[in-house]
Amino acid sequence: MPLLDLLRQRRSIKRFTDRPVTRAEIETLLDAAVLVPNHRLTEPWRFYVLGPDAREAYGQALGVRKARKIEDPEASRTMRDRVAAEHRALPCMIAIALVKSDNPEIAEEDYASAMMAVQNIMLAAVELGLGAAIRTGGVMGDDAARAAAGVGENERIVAIVNVGEPAEAPAGPAKKRLASELTRWIS
């Protein structure tokens, strides 16, 4: 499929079928991820493919964070358990981390490269007939979430990508602004 078609077809998929994602499919996604540019060839990205127990533990960490906002103890527990169960049921969950750098310039370049790796995973998923959704946020620095994902002390989770066969393919955004509306040509 031509690249521009892949870009136009990519959607954030929130619901997946029960079909497992094969190891070969996951390896194809990760092989695509490492093809991105990386200015100093630091290869900062690390990939953690979470099995059912690890997905549930990560979901538990996220559920705890969400449950803190709920005053009713029973509703709070229900939220925590629901989020953990939802994560366990995901067909595939990949944590993308990067090795930290003390050099601010390298850290910025490595972050950009890691996020490009995420985009490659998502586009390769479309090529394979799969769907994906990127997840980011404060939970990635949570000690319990980091432990669930198995990341090292000198690593930072930059994104979680959920992957699977789409249960439904949402329509794209009603209207995205044209690039021409966001571009200034400077002479």
N, C-alpha and C. Protein backbone atom coordinates (compact mmCIF):
# COMPACT_ATOMS: atom_id res chain seq x y z
N MET A 1 0.85 -1.17 0.00
CA MET A 1 0.00 0.00 0.00
C MET A 1 0.90 1.24 0.00
N PRO A 2 0.62 2.19 -0.85
CA PRO A 2 1.43 3.42 -0.87
C PRO A 2 1.40 4.14 0.49
N LEU A 3 2.52 4.76 0.81
CA LEU A 3 2.65 5.42 2.11
C LEU A 3 1.55 6.44 2.37
N LEU A 4 1.22 7.26 1.41
CA LEU A 4 0.20 8.28 1.64
C LEU A 4 -1.16 7.64 1.95
N ASP A 5 -1.44 6.49 1.37
CA ASP A 5 -2.68 5.77 1.70
C ASP A 5 -2.63 5.25 3.14
N LEU A 6 -1.48 4.73 3.55
CA LEU A 6 -1.32 4.27 4.95
C LEU A 6 -1.58 5.43 5.91
N LEU A 7 -1.00 6.58 5.60
CA LEU A 7 -1.16 7.75 6.46
C LEU A 7 -2.63 8.15 6.57
N ARG A 8 -3.34 8.10 5.45
CA ARG A 8 -4.75 8.49 5.44
C ARG A 8 -5.63 7.47 6.14
N GLN A 9 -5.23 6.21 6.14
CA GLN A 9 -6.05 5.15 6.74
C GLN A 9 -5.78 4.93 8.22
N ARG A 10 -4.66 5.43 8.71
CA ARG A 10 -4.32 5.21 10.12
C ARG A 10 -5.35 5.89 11.02
N ARG A 11 -5.83 5.14 11.98
CA ARG A 11 -6.78 5.64 12.97
C ARG A 11 -6.35 5.14 14.35
N SER A 12 -6.75 5.83 15.37
CA SER A 12 -6.55 5.33 16.73
C SER A 12 -7.67 4.35 17.02
N ILE A 13 -7.31 3.09 17.17
CA ILE A 13 -8.29 2.03 17.39
C ILE A 13 -8.42 1.79 18.89
N LYS A 14 -9.63 1.87 19.36
CA LYS A 14 -9.87 1.71 20.80
C LYS A 14 -10.41 0.33 21.16
N ARG A 15 -11.08 -0.31 20.20
CA ARG A 15 -11.66 -1.63 20.48
C ARG A 15 -11.10 -2.65 19.48
N PHE A 16 -10.70 -3.79 20.03
CA PHE A 16 -10.09 -4.83 19.23
C PHE A 16 -10.90 -6.12 19.32
N THR A 17 -10.75 -6.97 18.31
CA THR A 17 -11.33 -8.31 18.39
C THR A 17 -10.48 -9.14 19.35
N ASP A 18 -10.88 -10.36 19.58
CA ASP A 18 -10.13 -11.26 20.47
C ASP A 18 -8.95 -11.93 19.77
N ARG A 19 -8.80 -11.72 18.46
CA ARG A 19 -7.72 -12.40 17.75
C ARG A 19 -6.36 -11.97 18.31
N PRO A 20 -5.56 -12.93 18.71
CA PRO A 20 -4.22 -12.58 19.21
C PRO A 20 -3.35 -12.00 18.09
N VAL A 21 -2.45 -11.15 18.45
CA VAL A 21 -1.44 -10.66 17.53
C VAL A 21 -0.28 -11.64 17.61
N THR A 22 0.15 -12.13 16.47
CA THR A 22 1.20 -13.17 16.48
C THR A 22 2.56 -12.57 16.79
N ARG A 23 3.45 -13.42 17.25
CA ARG A 23 4.82 -12.99 17.51
C ARG A 23 5.45 -12.46 16.22
N ALA A 24 5.19 -13.11 15.09
CA ALA A 24 5.74 -12.65 13.81
C ALA A 24 5.23 -11.26 13.47
N GLU A 25 3.95 -10.98 13.72
CA GLU A 25 3.41 -9.65 13.47
C GLU A 25 4.09 -8.61 14.37
N ILE A 26 4.25 -8.96 15.64
CA ILE A 26 4.90 -8.03 16.58
C ILE A 26 6.33 -7.76 16.14
N GLU A 27 7.05 -8.81 15.75
CA GLU A 27 8.42 -8.62 15.30
C GLU A 27 8.49 -7.75 14.05
N THR A 28 7.51 -7.88 13.15
CA THR A 28 7.46 -7.01 11.97
C THR A 28 7.27 -5.56 12.39
N LEU A 29 6.38 -5.31 13.36
CA LEU A 29 6.17 -3.95 13.86
C LEU A 29 7.44 -3.37 14.44
N LEU A 30 8.15 -4.17 15.22
CA LEU A 30 9.37 -3.68 15.88
C LEU A 30 10.51 -3.50 14.88
N ASP A 31 10.56 -4.38 13.86
CA ASP A 31 11.56 -4.19 12.81
C ASP A 31 11.32 -2.87 12.08
N ALA A 32 10.06 -2.52 11.87
CA ALA A 32 9.73 -1.24 11.24
C ALA A 32 10.11 -0.08 12.15
N ALA A 33 9.95 -0.26 13.45
CA ALA A 33 10.22 0.82 14.41
C ALA A 33 11.66 1.29 14.35
N VAL A 34 12.59 0.36 14.20
CA VAL A 34 14.01 0.74 14.28
C VAL A 34 14.56 1.30 12.97
N LEU A 35 13.70 1.46 11.97
CA LEU A 35 14.13 2.03 10.69
C LEU A 35 14.12 3.56 10.70
N VAL A 36 13.74 4.16 11.80
CA VAL A 36 13.63 5.62 11.86
C VAL A 36 14.98 6.30 11.92
N PRO A 37 15.02 7.59 11.56
CA PRO A 37 16.27 8.34 11.70
C PRO A 37 16.65 8.49 13.17
N ASN A 38 17.92 8.50 13.42
CA ASN A 38 18.44 8.69 14.78
C ASN A 38 19.78 9.40 14.63
N HIS A 39 19.77 10.70 14.90
CA HIS A 39 20.87 11.60 14.56
C HIS A 39 22.25 11.09 14.94
N ARG A 40 22.44 10.67 16.14
CA ARG A 40 23.78 10.25 16.59
C ARG A 40 23.93 8.74 16.66
N LEU A 41 22.96 8.05 16.08
CA LEU A 41 22.96 6.58 16.07
C LEU A 41 23.05 6.01 17.49
N THR A 42 22.37 6.66 18.41
CA THR A 42 22.36 6.18 19.80
C THR A 42 21.43 4.99 19.99
N GLU A 43 20.52 4.79 19.04
CA GLU A 43 19.51 3.71 19.14
C GLU A 43 18.93 3.66 20.56
N PRO A 44 18.28 4.75 20.98
CA PRO A 44 17.84 4.88 22.37
C PRO A 44 16.60 4.08 22.73
N TRP A 45 15.86 3.62 21.74
CA TRP A 45 14.57 2.98 21.98
C TRP A 45 14.74 1.58 22.54
N ARG A 46 13.82 1.22 23.39
CA ARG A 46 13.71 -0.14 23.93
C ARG A 46 12.24 -0.50 23.87
N PHE A 47 11.95 -1.75 23.55
CA PHE A 47 10.57 -2.19 23.37
C PHE A 47 10.26 -3.30 24.36
N TYR A 48 9.13 -3.18 25.01
CA TYR A 48 8.68 -4.16 25.99
C TYR A 48 7.30 -4.65 25.55
N VAL A 49 7.22 -5.91 25.17
CA VAL A 49 5.95 -6.51 24.77
C VAL A 49 5.36 -7.14 26.02
N LEU A 50 4.23 -6.62 26.46
CA LEU A 50 3.65 -7.03 27.73
C LEU A 50 2.68 -8.20 27.54
N GLY A 51 2.90 -9.25 28.30
CA GLY A 51 1.98 -10.39 28.33
C GLY A 51 0.77 -10.07 29.19
N PRO A 52 -0.17 -11.00 29.30
CA PRO A 52 -1.42 -10.73 30.02
C PRO A 52 -1.24 -10.24 31.46
N ASP A 53 -0.33 -10.86 32.21
CA ASP A 53 -0.13 -10.45 33.61
C ASP A 53 0.47 -9.04 33.68
N ALA A 54 1.43 -8.77 32.81
CA ALA A 54 2.05 -7.44 32.79
C ALA A 54 1.05 -6.38 32.34
N ARG A 55 0.21 -6.72 31.34
CA ARG A 55 -0.81 -5.76 30.90
C ARG A 55 -1.78 -5.46 32.04
N GLU A 56 -2.17 -6.50 32.77
CA GLU A 56 -3.09 -6.29 33.89
C GLU A 56 -2.44 -5.44 34.98
N ALA A 57 -1.18 -5.70 35.27
CA ALA A 57 -0.48 -4.91 36.29
C ALA A 57 -0.35 -3.44 35.86
N TYR A 58 -0.06 -3.22 34.59
CA TYR A 58 -0.01 -1.85 34.08
C TYR A 58 -1.39 -1.20 34.20
N GLY A 59 -2.42 -1.94 33.81
CA GLY A 59 -3.79 -1.44 33.92
C GLY A 59 -4.17 -1.15 35.36
N GLN A 60 -3.68 -1.97 36.27
CA GLN A 60 -3.94 -1.74 37.70
C GLN A 60 -3.32 -0.41 38.12
N ALA A 61 -2.09 -0.14 37.67
CA ALA A 61 -1.44 1.13 38.01
C ALA A 61 -2.22 2.31 37.45
N LEU A 62 -2.68 2.18 36.22
CA LEU A 62 -3.48 3.24 35.61
C LEU A 62 -4.82 3.37 36.33
N GLY A 63 -5.43 2.24 36.65
CA GLY A 63 -6.71 2.24 37.36
C GLY A 63 -6.62 2.91 38.72
N VAL A 64 -5.53 2.67 39.43
CA VAL A 64 -5.32 3.31 40.74
C VAL A 64 -5.29 4.83 40.57
N ARG A 65 -4.60 5.30 39.54
CA ARG A 65 -4.51 6.74 39.29
C ARG A 65 -5.89 7.32 38.98
N LYS A 66 -6.66 6.61 38.17
CA LYS A 66 -8.01 7.08 37.83
C LYS A 66 -8.94 7.01 39.04
N ALA A 67 -8.79 5.97 39.84
CA ALA A 67 -9.66 5.76 40.99
C ALA A 67 -9.46 6.82 42.06
N ARG A 68 -8.29 7.42 42.13
CA ARG A 68 -8.02 8.47 43.13
C ARG A 68 -8.97 9.66 42.97
N LYS A 69 -9.50 9.84 41.78
CA LYS A 69 -10.38 10.98 41.51
C LYS A 69 -11.83 10.69 41.90
N ILE A 70 -12.09 9.47 42.35
CA ILE A 70 -13.46 9.06 42.69
C ILE A 70 -13.58 8.95 44.20
N GLU A 71 -14.53 9.64 44.78
CA GLU A 71 -14.67 9.65 46.24
C GLU A 71 -15.30 8.37 46.79
N ASP A 72 -16.29 7.84 46.10
CA ASP A 72 -16.98 6.63 46.57
C ASP A 72 -16.03 5.43 46.50
N PRO A 73 -15.75 4.78 47.64
CA PRO A 73 -14.80 3.66 47.67
C PRO A 73 -15.18 2.50 46.74
N GLU A 74 -16.46 2.18 46.68
CA GLU A 74 -16.89 1.07 45.82
C GLU A 74 -16.71 1.42 44.34
N ALA A 75 -17.09 2.63 43.97
CA ALA A 75 -16.91 3.07 42.58
C ALA A 75 -15.43 3.16 42.24
N SER A 76 -14.63 3.56 43.21
CA SER A 76 -13.19 3.65 43.01
C SER A 76 -12.60 2.26 42.74
N ARG A 77 -12.98 1.27 43.54
CA ARG A 77 -12.51 -0.10 43.36
C ARG A 77 -12.98 -0.65 42.02
N THR A 78 -14.22 -0.37 41.66
CA THR A 78 -14.76 -0.83 40.39
C THR A 78 -13.95 -0.27 39.23
N MET A 79 -13.63 1.02 39.31
CA MET A 79 -12.82 1.67 38.26
C MET A 79 -11.46 0.98 38.15
N ARG A 80 -10.79 0.78 39.26
CA ARG A 80 -9.46 0.17 39.28
C ARG A 80 -9.51 -1.23 38.66
N ASP A 81 -10.48 -2.02 39.06
CA ASP A 81 -10.59 -3.39 38.55
C ASP A 81 -10.97 -3.43 37.08
N ARG A 82 -11.82 -2.51 36.66
CA ARG A 82 -12.25 -2.48 35.25
C ARG A 82 -11.08 -2.13 34.34
N VAL A 83 -10.30 -1.14 34.73
CA VAL A 83 -9.17 -0.72 33.90
C VAL A 83 -8.13 -1.85 33.83
N ALA A 84 -7.88 -2.53 34.94
CA ALA A 84 -6.94 -3.65 34.94
C ALA A 84 -7.43 -4.77 34.02
N ALA A 85 -8.71 -5.10 34.09
CA ALA A 85 -9.27 -6.16 33.24
C ALA A 85 -9.23 -5.77 31.77
N GLU A 86 -9.52 -4.52 31.47
CA GLU A 86 -9.47 -4.05 30.07
C GLU A 86 -8.06 -4.20 29.50
N HIS A 87 -7.06 -3.89 30.30
CA HIS A 87 -5.68 -4.00 29.81
C HIS A 87 -5.28 -5.47 29.64
N ARG A 88 -5.68 -6.31 30.56
CA ARG A 88 -5.37 -7.74 30.43
C ARG A 88 -5.96 -8.29 29.13
N ALA A 89 -7.14 -7.82 28.75
CA ALA A 89 -7.84 -8.34 27.57
C ALA A 89 -7.27 -7.81 26.25
N LEU A 90 -6.40 -6.83 26.29
CA LEU A 90 -5.84 -6.30 25.04
C LEU A 90 -5.07 -7.41 24.30
N PRO A 91 -5.18 -7.44 22.97
CA PRO A 91 -4.43 -8.46 22.23
C PRO A 91 -2.92 -8.27 22.30
N CYS A 92 -2.47 -7.02 22.32
CA CYS A 92 -1.04 -6.74 22.36
C CYS A 92 -0.82 -5.33 22.91
N MET A 93 0.18 -5.22 23.75
CA MET A 93 0.53 -3.93 24.33
C MET A 93 2.05 -3.82 24.33
N ILE A 94 2.54 -2.77 23.70
CA ILE A 94 3.98 -2.56 23.60
C ILE A 94 4.33 -1.25 24.30
N ALA A 95 5.25 -1.34 25.24
CA ALA A 95 5.78 -0.13 25.88
C ALA A 95 7.03 0.28 25.11
N ILE A 96 7.07 1.53 24.71
CA ILE A 96 8.24 2.06 24.02
C ILE A 96 8.95 2.97 25.02
N ALA A 97 10.17 2.63 25.30
CA ALA A 97 10.97 3.39 26.25
C ALA A 97 12.22 3.88 25.54
N LEU A 98 12.90 4.82 26.18
CA LEU A 98 14.19 5.24 25.66
C LEU A 98 15.19 5.32 26.80
N VAL A 99 16.43 5.12 26.45
CA VAL A 99 17.51 5.22 27.42
C VAL A 99 17.74 6.70 27.67
N LYS A 100 17.75 7.08 28.94
CA LYS A 100 17.92 8.48 29.31
C LYS A 100 19.33 8.96 28.98
N SER A 101 19.42 10.25 28.66
CA SER A 101 20.71 10.89 28.42
C SER A 101 20.79 12.14 29.28
N ASP A 102 21.97 12.39 29.83
CA ASP A 102 22.18 13.61 30.62
C ASP A 102 22.40 14.82 29.73
N ASN A 103 22.69 14.59 28.46
CA ASN A 103 22.91 15.67 27.51
C ASN A 103 21.55 16.12 26.98
N PRO A 104 21.12 17.36 27.27
CA PRO A 104 19.79 17.80 26.85
C PRO A 104 19.55 17.72 25.33
N GLU A 105 20.57 18.00 24.55
CA GLU A 105 20.42 17.95 23.09
C GLU A 105 20.19 16.50 22.63
N ILE A 106 20.97 15.59 23.15
CA ILE A 106 20.80 14.17 22.79
C ILE A 106 19.46 13.66 23.30
N ALA A 107 19.08 14.06 24.51
CA ALA A 107 17.79 13.63 25.06
C ALA A 107 16.64 14.05 24.16
N GLU A 108 16.69 15.27 23.65
CA GLU A 108 15.65 15.77 22.75
C GLU A 108 15.64 15.00 21.43
N GLU A 109 16.81 14.78 20.87
CA GLU A 109 16.91 14.03 19.62
C GLU A 109 16.42 12.59 19.80
N ASP A 110 16.78 11.98 20.92
CA ASP A 110 16.38 10.60 21.18
C ASP A 110 14.87 10.48 21.38
N TYR A 111 14.27 11.46 22.05
CA TYR A 111 12.82 11.46 22.23
C TYR A 111 12.12 11.55 20.88
N ALA A 112 12.60 12.45 20.03
CA ALA A 112 12.00 12.59 18.70
C ALA A 112 12.12 11.27 17.93
N SER A 113 13.25 10.65 18.01
CA SER A 113 13.46 9.38 17.31
C SER A 113 12.55 8.28 17.85
N ALA A 114 12.40 8.23 19.16
CA ALA A 114 11.52 7.22 19.77
C ALA A 114 10.07 7.42 19.34
N MET A 115 9.64 8.67 19.26
CA MET A 115 8.27 8.92 18.82
C MET A 115 8.08 8.61 17.34
N MET A 116 9.13 8.79 16.54
CA MET A 116 9.05 8.35 15.14
C MET A 116 8.93 6.83 15.08
N ALA A 117 9.59 6.13 15.98
CA ALA A 117 9.48 4.68 16.03
C ALA A 117 8.04 4.27 16.34
N VAL A 118 7.37 5.02 17.21
CA VAL A 118 5.96 4.77 17.52
C VAL A 118 5.13 4.92 16.24
N GLN A 119 5.37 5.98 15.49
CA GLN A 119 4.62 6.19 14.25
C GLN A 119 4.86 5.04 13.27
N ASN A 120 6.09 4.58 13.17
CA ASN A 120 6.37 3.45 12.28
C ASN A 120 5.61 2.20 12.72
N ILE A 121 5.53 1.96 14.02
CA ILE A 121 4.75 0.82 14.52
C ILE A 121 3.30 0.95 14.08
N MET A 122 2.75 2.13 14.24
CA MET A 122 1.34 2.34 13.92
C MET A 122 1.07 2.20 12.42
N LEU A 123 1.98 2.69 11.59
CA LEU A 123 1.81 2.55 10.14
C LEU A 123 2.01 1.11 9.69
N ALA A 124 2.98 0.42 10.27
CA ALA A 124 3.20 -0.98 9.93
C ALA A 124 1.98 -1.82 10.34
N ALA A 125 1.34 -1.44 11.44
CA ALA A 125 0.12 -2.15 11.87
C ALA A 125 -0.96 -2.04 10.80
N VAL A 126 -1.14 -0.85 10.24
CA VAL A 126 -2.13 -0.67 9.18
C VAL A 126 -1.78 -1.56 7.99
N GLU A 127 -0.52 -1.58 7.62
CA GLU A 127 -0.05 -2.41 6.49
C GLU A 127 -0.38 -3.89 6.73
N LEU A 128 -0.32 -4.33 7.98
CA LEU A 128 -0.60 -5.74 8.32
C LEU A 128 -2.09 -6.01 8.54
N GLY A 129 -2.93 -4.98 8.39
CA GLY A 129 -4.36 -5.16 8.62
C GLY A 129 -4.73 -5.08 10.09
N LEU A 130 -3.82 -4.56 10.90
CA LEU A 130 -4.06 -4.39 12.33
C LEU A 130 -4.40 -2.93 12.62
N GLY A 131 -4.80 -2.68 13.83
CA GLY A 131 -5.03 -1.32 14.29
C GLY A 131 -4.17 -1.06 15.50
N ALA A 132 -4.00 0.20 15.83
CA ALA A 132 -3.16 0.58 16.96
C ALA A 132 -3.66 1.88 17.55
N ALA A 133 -3.33 2.08 18.81
CA ALA A 133 -3.62 3.34 19.49
C ALA A 133 -2.45 3.66 20.40
N ILE A 134 -2.00 4.90 20.34
CA ILE A 134 -0.91 5.35 21.20
C ILE A 134 -1.51 5.89 22.50
N ARG A 135 -0.86 5.60 23.60
CA ARG A 135 -1.25 6.10 24.91
C ARG A 135 -0.03 6.75 25.54
N THR A 136 -0.23 7.95 26.07
CA THR A 136 0.83 8.67 26.76
C THR A 136 0.24 9.20 28.07
N GLY A 137 1.04 9.88 28.85
CA GLY A 137 0.52 10.51 30.05
C GLY A 137 1.37 10.25 31.28
N GLY A 138 0.91 10.82 32.37
CA GLY A 138 1.64 10.76 33.63
C GLY A 138 1.86 9.36 34.16
N VAL A 139 0.99 8.42 33.82
CA VAL A 139 1.12 7.06 34.33
C VAL A 139 2.45 6.44 33.92
N MET A 140 3.05 6.93 32.86
CA MET A 140 4.29 6.32 32.37
C MET A 140 5.46 6.52 33.32
N GLY A 141 5.35 7.51 34.19
CA GLY A 141 6.37 7.71 35.21
C GLY A 141 6.03 7.05 36.53
N ASP A 142 4.85 6.46 36.63
CA ASP A 142 4.38 5.80 37.84
C ASP A 142 5.25 4.56 38.12
N ASP A 143 5.72 4.42 39.35
CA ASP A 143 6.60 3.29 39.69
C ASP A 143 5.95 1.94 39.41
N ALA A 144 4.66 1.80 39.74
CA ALA A 144 3.98 0.52 39.50
C ALA A 144 3.84 0.24 38.01
N ALA A 145 3.57 1.26 37.22
CA ALA A 145 3.46 1.09 35.76
C ALA A 145 4.82 0.73 35.18
N ARG A 146 5.85 1.40 35.64
CA ARG A 146 7.20 1.10 35.16
C ARG A 146 7.60 -0.32 35.52
N ALA A 147 7.27 -0.74 36.72
CA ALA A 147 7.59 -2.12 37.13
C ALA A 147 6.81 -3.12 36.29
N ALA A 148 5.55 -2.84 36.02
CA ALA A 148 4.73 -3.74 35.20
C ALA A 148 5.32 -3.89 33.80
N ALA A 149 5.84 -2.79 33.26
CA ALA A 149 6.41 -2.82 31.91
C ALA A 149 7.84 -3.38 31.90
N GLY A 150 8.47 -3.43 33.05
CA GLY A 150 9.81 -4.00 33.13
C GLY A 150 10.93 -3.09 32.66
N VAL A 151 10.67 -1.78 32.60
CA VAL A 151 11.71 -0.87 32.12
C VAL A 151 12.82 -0.69 33.13
N GLY A 152 14.02 -0.40 32.62
CA GLY A 152 15.18 -0.22 33.46
C GLY A 152 15.18 1.13 34.16
N GLU A 153 16.01 1.24 35.18
CA GLU A 153 16.13 2.48 35.95
C GLU A 153 16.56 3.65 35.09
N ASN A 154 17.40 3.37 34.09
CA ASN A 154 17.92 4.45 33.25
C ASN A 154 17.07 4.65 31.99
N GLU A 155 15.81 4.18 32.04
CA GLU A 155 14.93 4.29 30.89
C GLU A 155 13.66 5.05 31.25
N ARG A 156 13.05 5.61 30.23
CA ARG A 156 11.82 6.38 30.38
C ARG A 156 10.80 5.85 29.38
N ILE A 157 9.60 5.52 29.84
CA ILE A 157 8.54 5.13 28.91
C ILE A 157 8.05 6.40 28.22
N VAL A 158 8.01 6.37 26.89
CA VAL A 158 7.51 7.53 26.14
C VAL A 158 6.12 7.29 25.58
N ALA A 159 5.75 6.02 25.40
CA ALA A 159 4.42 5.71 24.87
C ALA A 159 4.11 4.24 25.08
N ILE A 160 2.84 3.97 25.13
CA ILE A 160 2.31 2.62 25.07
C ILE A 160 1.55 2.53 23.76
N VAL A 161 1.73 1.45 23.02
CA VAL A 161 0.95 1.25 21.81
C VAL A 161 0.16 -0.05 21.98
N ASN A 162 -1.15 0.08 21.93
CA ASN A 162 -2.04 -1.08 21.94
C ASN A 162 -2.26 -1.49 20.49
N VAL A 163 -2.17 -2.79 20.23
CA VAL A 163 -2.26 -3.29 18.86
C VAL A 163 -3.22 -4.48 18.82
N GLY A 164 -3.96 -4.57 17.75
CA GLY A 164 -4.83 -5.73 17.55
C GLY A 164 -5.64 -5.58 16.28
N GLU A 165 -6.44 -6.58 16.03
CA GLU A 165 -7.35 -6.51 14.90
C GLU A 165 -8.50 -5.59 15.29
N PRO A 166 -8.77 -4.55 14.50
CA PRO A 166 -9.82 -3.60 14.88
C PRO A 166 -11.20 -4.27 14.95
N ALA A 167 -11.92 -4.00 16.03
CA ALA A 167 -13.32 -4.45 16.13
C ALA A 167 -14.20 -3.52 15.32
N GLU A 168 -13.74 -2.30 15.17
CA GLU A 168 -14.43 -1.32 14.34
C GLU A 168 -13.39 -0.29 13.90
N ALA A 169 -13.61 0.25 12.74
CA ALA A 169 -12.69 1.27 12.23
C ALA A 169 -13.41 2.61 12.26
N PRO A 170 -13.04 3.47 13.18
CA PRO A 170 -13.72 4.77 13.26
C PRO A 170 -13.42 5.62 12.04
N ALA A 171 -14.35 6.48 11.72
CA ALA A 171 -14.12 7.46 10.66
C ALA A 171 -13.05 8.42 11.16
N GLY A 172 -12.41 9.07 10.24
CA GLY A 172 -11.40 10.05 10.63
C GLY A 172 -12.05 11.27 11.25
N PRO A 173 -11.24 12.18 11.70
CA PRO A 173 -11.78 13.41 12.27
C PRO A 173 -12.67 14.11 11.25
N ALA A 174 -13.68 14.77 11.75
CA ALA A 174 -14.62 15.46 10.86
C ALA A 174 -13.87 16.40 9.91
N LYS A 175 -12.93 17.13 10.45
CA LYS A 175 -12.17 18.04 9.58
C LYS A 175 -10.84 18.32 10.24
N LYS A 176 -9.78 18.03 9.53
CA LYS A 176 -8.46 18.45 9.97
C LYS A 176 -8.07 19.65 9.12
N ARG A 177 -7.37 20.55 9.72
CA ARG A 177 -6.94 21.73 8.97
C ARG A 177 -5.94 21.31 7.90
N LEU A 178 -5.98 21.97 6.79
CA LEU A 178 -5.04 21.72 5.71
C LEU A 178 -3.67 22.23 6.12
N ALA A 179 -2.64 21.58 5.64
CA ALA A 179 -1.28 22.03 5.93
C ALA A 179 -1.08 23.47 5.47
N SER A 180 -1.72 23.82 4.37
CA SER A 180 -1.56 25.19 3.86
C SER A 180 -2.06 26.24 4.85
N GLU A 181 -3.02 25.87 5.71
CA GLU A 181 -3.52 26.79 6.72
C GLU A 181 -2.54 26.97 7.87
N LEU A 182 -1.60 26.08 7.99
CA LEU A 182 -0.66 26.08 9.11
C LEU A 182 0.76 26.39 8.68
N THR A 183 0.91 26.79 7.43
CA THR A 183 2.24 26.98 6.85
C THR A 183 2.48 28.43 6.49
N ARG A 184 3.68 28.89 6.83
CA ARG A 184 4.14 30.22 6.39
C ARG A 184 5.39 29.99 5.55
N TRP A 185 5.43 30.61 4.40
CA TRP A 185 6.61 30.54 3.54
C TRP A 185 7.46 31.77 3.82
N ILE A 186 8.65 31.57 4.30
CA ILE A 186 9.53 32.66 4.71
C ILE A 186 10.62 32.83 3.65
N SER A 187 10.80 34.07 3.18
CA SER A 187 11.85 34.31 2.18
C SER A 187 13.08 34.90 2.81
